[in-house]
Amino acid sequence: MAGLARAETPPDRGVAPVDPIEAIIPGDLRTLPFQNPQVVFLVRVDATGKLVEHMALTATHHGLIPAAAKALQAAAFTPAVVAGQPVPANGQVAVTLFDPQQRAYLRGNRAQLPFGGSAMDAAQSHLYRADPTHHEYHRSKASELDAPVEVKATKIMLYADDAGKAAVGRCVVEYWVDADGSVRFPRVVSSDNEAVSLSALLTLQQTRFAPPTHDGGVPTYVQVRQAMEFNIEPAAPKTPAGA
């Protein structure tokens, strides 16, 4: 879970993968004429180098994200360093994708043919060539979504202090809703008290949205700023407006 909103000291050394991260292009996309396909992720890495959270920011094709995310999760990282000490921090990491047959062919293995496929593959390739930007993955504004951001499931979580007193008050939170409707990188912008802040973050952990799309069904992600209020008889937070 992301913490409360605090300014982070700029690191002397940022988050980085130990080795370049690569993934194989999914089979159903290998006939597309990609130029240097990649997925760029926002990541959170703790002080031990463990990947805590990640979210795709951009991708040459939205269909590349699952394979890239799997490679990212298997990678090793070096943490950010501030004043000589490892610290938890956010950073951006790129995952490069490749076709192993095409790579072998380019390296001189002429037994590995990089092209070919069915008539359906040819049609898919033609559609991609006609408008490659239509298949790209990137952020959208709320006004660009096919439908407003919609809560599909949530559970109100009230943090209680040592005396058992539940959180009461209001806060404003900011977070991302990614392509599968998950809440990513939540942070508290302002709050009446820490108990309310923790309640908001715990509640967002239990919240799922309808997967956002734009341009007639293309997956995307959106930033949301939302006010949340907690009291003795909490009501479910309303569907938020996007940022």
Protein backbone atom coordinates (compact mmCIF):
# COMPACT_ATOMS: atom_id res chain seq x y z
CA MET A 1 0.00 0.00 0.00
CA ALA A 2 1.30 3.43 -0.84
CA GLY A 3 1.96 5.65 2.13
CA LEU A 4 0.79 9.06 3.13
CA ALA A 5 1.78 12.00 0.98
CA ARG A 6 5.32 13.03 1.86
CA ALA A 7 7.98 14.80 -0.16
CA GLU A 8 10.81 12.46 -1.06
CA THR A 9 14.40 13.63 -1.10
CA PRO A 10 15.80 13.40 -4.63
CA PRO A 11 18.00 10.28 -4.73
CA ASP A 12 21.73 10.30 -5.43
CA ARG A 13 21.04 7.19 -7.48
CA GLY A 14 17.64 6.18 -8.79
CA VAL A 15 15.88 2.85 -9.01
CA ALA A 16 17.29 0.64 -11.77
CA PRO A 17 17.10 -2.98 -12.95
CA VAL A 18 20.24 -5.03 -12.33
CA ASP A 19 20.17 -6.15 -15.99
CA PRO A 20 18.23 -4.90 -19.04
CA ILE A 21 14.74 -6.42 -19.01
CA GLU A 22 13.47 -8.21 -22.11
CA ALA A 23 10.35 -10.20 -22.94
CA ILE A 24 9.24 -12.25 -25.93
CA ILE A 25 6.51 -10.70 -28.08
CA PRO A 26 3.26 -12.70 -27.68
CA GLY A 27 2.70 -15.14 -30.54
CA ASP A 28 -0.46 -13.44 -31.79
CA LEU A 29 1.43 -10.15 -32.24
CA ARG A 30 4.67 -11.37 -33.83
CA THR A 31 3.61 -10.63 -37.40
CA LEU A 32 2.99 -6.95 -36.63
CA PRO A 33 5.66 -4.58 -38.02
CA PHE A 34 6.86 -3.17 -34.69
CA GLN A 35 9.70 -0.69 -34.49
CA ASN A 36 11.59 -1.17 -31.21
CA PRO A 37 8.57 -2.38 -29.20
CA GLN A 38 8.68 -1.63 -25.50
CA VAL A 39 6.60 -1.06 -22.38
CA VAL A 40 7.56 1.62 -19.85
CA PHE A 41 6.49 1.04 -16.25
CA LEU A 42 6.22 3.22 -13.19
CA VAL A 43 7.68 1.12 -10.36
CA ARG A 44 8.01 1.32 -6.60
CA VAL A 45 11.10 -0.46 -5.23
CA ASP A 46 11.81 -0.76 -1.50
CA ALA A 47 15.16 -0.29 0.25
CA THR A 48 16.05 -3.97 -0.24
CA GLY A 49 15.52 -3.84 -4.01
CA LYS A 50 12.14 -5.60 -3.91
CA LEU A 51 9.53 -4.55 -6.49
CA VAL A 52 6.56 -3.36 -4.44
CA GLU A 53 4.21 -1.94 -7.07
CA HIS A 54 4.17 -1.35 -10.81
CA MET A 55 1.95 0.15 -13.49
CA ALA A 56 2.37 0.40 -17.25
CA LEU A 57 2.71 4.01 -18.43
CA THR A 58 3.20 3.57 -22.17
CA ALA A 59 3.39 0.65 -24.58
CA THR A 60 3.94 0.30 -28.31
CA HIS A 61 0.87 -2.00 -28.31
CA HIS A 62 -1.45 -2.65 -25.36
CA GLY A 63 -1.21 -6.38 -26.03
CA LEU A 64 2.47 -6.35 -25.04
CA ILE A 65 1.80 -5.35 -21.43
CA PRO A 66 1.11 -8.80 -19.85
CA ALA A 67 4.34 -10.32 -21.19
CA ALA A 68 6.33 -7.24 -20.22
CA ALA A 69 4.80 -7.19 -16.71
CA LYS A 70 5.73 -10.85 -16.18
CA ALA A 71 9.35 -10.11 -17.13
CA LEU A 72 9.36 -7.03 -14.87
CA GLN A 73 8.14 -9.05 -11.89
CA ALA A 74 10.92 -11.60 -12.41
CA ALA A 75 13.67 -8.97 -12.64
CA ALA A 76 16.11 -7.88 -9.93
CA PHE A 77 16.50 -4.22 -8.97
CA THR A 78 18.93 -1.94 -7.20
CA PRO A 79 17.20 0.49 -4.84
CA ALA A 80 17.51 4.24 -4.91
CA VAL A 81 20.24 5.70 -2.70
CA VAL A 82 20.08 8.92 -0.67
CA ALA A 83 23.12 10.09 1.32
CA GLY A 84 24.69 6.69 0.83
CA GLN A 85 21.69 4.77 2.19
CA PRO A 86 19.21 2.65 0.19
CA VAL A 87 15.68 4.03 0.37
CA PRO A 88 12.27 3.13 -1.07
CA ALA A 89 11.50 5.17 -4.18
CA ASN A 90 9.57 5.36 -7.44
CA GLY A 91 11.18 5.19 -10.86
CA GLN A 92 10.54 4.36 -14.50
CA VAL A 93 11.77 1.14 -16.08
CA ALA A 94 11.52 0.05 -19.73
CA VAL A 95 10.98 -3.54 -20.86
CA THR A 96 12.07 -4.33 -24.44
CA LEU A 97 10.19 -6.96 -26.41
CA PHE A 98 11.54 -9.11 -29.24
CA ASP A 99 10.68 -11.94 -31.61
CA PRO A 100 13.22 -14.76 -31.02
CA GLN A 101 12.89 -16.06 -34.59
CA GLN A 102 13.52 -12.65 -36.07
CA ARG A 103 16.46 -12.08 -33.71
CA ALA A 104 17.99 -15.43 -34.71
CA TYR A 105 17.50 -14.60 -38.39
CA LEU A 106 19.18 -11.20 -38.02
CA ARG A 107 22.09 -12.87 -36.24
CA GLY A 108 22.69 -15.15 -39.19
CA ASN A 109 20.56 -18.23 -38.45
CA ARG A 110 18.82 -18.49 -41.81
CA ALA A 111 16.98 -21.62 -40.66
CA GLN A 112 14.82 -19.36 -38.51
CA LEU A 113 12.39 -17.56 -40.79
CA PRO A 114 11.12 -14.31 -39.25
CA PHE A 115 8.12 -13.76 -41.46
CA GLY A 116 5.05 -15.59 -42.67
CA GLY A 117 1.72 -16.42 -41.09
CA SER A 118 -1.87 -16.88 -42.06
CA ALA A 119 -4.23 -14.67 -44.03
CA MET A 120 -5.63 -13.49 -40.71
CA ASP A 121 -2.12 -12.52 -39.61
CA ALA A 122 -1.68 -10.56 -42.84
CA ALA A 123 -4.97 -8.73 -42.29
CA GLN A 124 -4.01 -7.92 -38.71
CA SER A 125 -0.66 -6.59 -39.89
CA HIS A 126 -2.37 -4.45 -42.54
CA LEU A 127 -4.70 -2.90 -39.95
CA TYR A 128 -1.77 -2.17 -37.65
CA ARG A 129 0.22 -0.51 -40.45
CA ALA A 130 -2.78 1.67 -41.28
CA ASP A 131 -2.88 3.20 -37.77
CA PRO A 132 -0.26 1.95 -35.29
CA THR A 133 -1.06 4.72 -32.81
CA HIS A 134 -4.57 3.28 -32.34
CA HIS A 135 -3.01 0.27 -30.58
CA GLU A 136 -0.65 2.22 -28.33
CA TYR A 137 -1.18 2.28 -24.58
CA HIS A 138 -1.05 5.62 -22.80
CA ARG A 139 -2.79 7.79 -20.24
CA SER A 140 -6.20 9.31 -20.97
CA LYS A 141 -8.05 12.23 -19.48
CA ALA A 142 -11.44 11.53 -17.93
CA SER A 143 -13.09 13.39 -20.81
CA GLU A 144 -11.43 11.02 -23.30
CA LEU A 145 -12.78 7.78 -21.79
CA ASP A 146 -15.48 5.75 -23.50
CA ALA A 147 -17.44 5.81 -20.21
CA PRO A 148 -17.04 7.56 -16.85
CA VAL A 149 -14.89 5.90 -14.19
CA GLU A 150 -17.15 3.41 -12.42
CA VAL A 151 -16.68 1.60 -9.09
CA LYS A 152 -17.47 -2.11 -9.47
CA ALA A 153 -16.62 -3.27 -5.94
CA THR A 154 -15.45 -1.67 -2.71
CA LYS A 155 -15.36 -2.26 1.03
CA ILE A 156 -15.12 0.55 3.56
CA MET A 157 -12.18 0.01 5.91
CA LEU A 158 -12.14 2.07 9.12
CA TYR A 159 -8.82 2.36 10.94
CA ALA A 160 -9.18 2.40 14.72
CA ASP A 161 -6.68 3.72 17.26
CA ASP A 162 -5.41 1.80 20.29
CA ALA A 163 -8.48 2.84 22.25
CA GLY A 164 -10.75 1.39 19.55
CA LYS A 165 -11.94 4.77 18.32
CA ALA A 166 -12.66 4.63 14.58
CA ALA A 167 -11.47 7.27 12.14
CA VAL A 168 -13.71 10.29 11.66
CA GLY A 169 -13.03 13.03 9.15
CA ARG A 170 -12.33 13.87 5.54
CA CYS A 171 -9.38 13.50 3.20
CA VAL A 172 -8.52 13.95 -0.45
CA VAL A 173 -6.73 11.12 -2.25
CA GLU A 174 -5.14 10.81 -5.65
CA TYR A 175 -4.51 7.55 -7.50
CA TRP A 176 -4.41 5.84 -10.87
CA VAL A 177 -6.96 3.39 -12.25
CA ASP A 178 -5.07 1.06 -14.56
CA ALA A 179 -6.22 -1.01 -17.53
CA ASP A 180 -7.64 -3.85 -15.41
CA GLY A 181 -9.49 -1.51 -13.04
CA SER A 182 -7.00 -1.77 -10.17
CA VAL A 183 -6.02 1.18 -7.99
CA ARG A 184 -2.31 1.99 -8.36
CA PHE A 185 0.02 4.30 -6.45
CA PRO A 186 -2.56 5.95 -4.16
CA ARG A 187 -1.48 8.92 -2.09
CA VAL A 188 -3.14 11.24 0.37
CA VAL A 189 -3.16 14.85 -0.78
CA SER A 190 -4.75 16.33 2.35
CA SER A 191 -6.39 14.90 5.46
CA ASP A 192 -8.00 15.80 8.77
CA ASN A 193 -5.87 13.21 10.59
CA GLU A 194 -3.69 10.16 10.07
CA ALA A 195 -6.43 7.68 11.01
CA VAL A 196 -8.58 9.02 8.17
CA SER A 197 -5.63 8.81 5.78
CA LEU A 198 -5.02 5.16 6.68
CA SER A 199 -8.73 4.38 6.35
CA ALA A 200 -8.75 5.88 2.87
CA LEU A 201 -5.70 3.91 1.73
CA LEU A 202 -7.07 0.67 3.20
CA THR A 203 -10.42 1.28 1.50
CA LEU A 204 -8.73 1.88 -1.87
CA GLN A 205 -6.99 -1.49 -1.48
CA GLN A 206 -10.46 -3.05 -1.48
CA THR A 207 -11.78 -1.02 -4.43
CA ARG A 208 -12.00 -2.14 -8.06
CA PHE A 209 -13.20 -0.19 -11.08
CA ALA A 210 -14.53 -1.08 -14.49
CA PRO A 211 -11.46 -1.29 -16.78
CA PRO A 212 -11.16 2.12 -18.48
CA THR A 213 -11.03 2.32 -22.27
CA HIS A 214 -10.87 5.06 -24.88
CA ASP A 215 -11.19 5.35 -28.65
CA GLY A 216 -13.86 2.67 -28.86
CA GLY A 217 -12.41 0.00 -26.59
CA VAL A 218 -8.64 0.55 -26.45
CA PRO A 219 -7.31 -0.08 -22.90
CA THR A 220 -6.00 2.96 -21.05
CA TYR A 221 -5.48 4.34 -17.55
CA VAL A 222 -6.65 7.50 -15.83
CA GLN A 223 -5.72 9.61 -12.82
CA VAL A 224 -8.38 10.28 -10.18
CA ARG A 225 -8.59 12.84 -7.37
CA GLN A 226 -11.34 12.05 -4.90
CA ALA A 227 -12.64 13.30 -1.57
CA MET A 228 -13.41 10.59 1.00
CA GLU A 229 -15.28 11.11 4.25
CA PHE A 230 -15.41 8.69 7.18
CA ASN A 231 -17.80 8.67 10.12
CA ILE A 232 -19.44 6.22 12.49
CA GLU A 233 -21.89 5.01 9.83
CA PRO A 234 -19.77 5.25 6.66
CA ALA A 235 -21.39 5.36 3.26
CA ALA A 236 -19.63 3.88 0.25
CA PRO A 237 -17.58 6.49 -1.59
CA LYS A 238 -19.28 7.85 -4.67
CA THR A 239 -17.96 7.15 -8.14
CA PRO A 240 -15.14 9.68 -8.49
CA ALA A 241 -14.51 12.21 -11.19
CA GLY A 242 -11.30 11.62 -13.17
CA ALA A 243 -8.39 14.01 -13.11
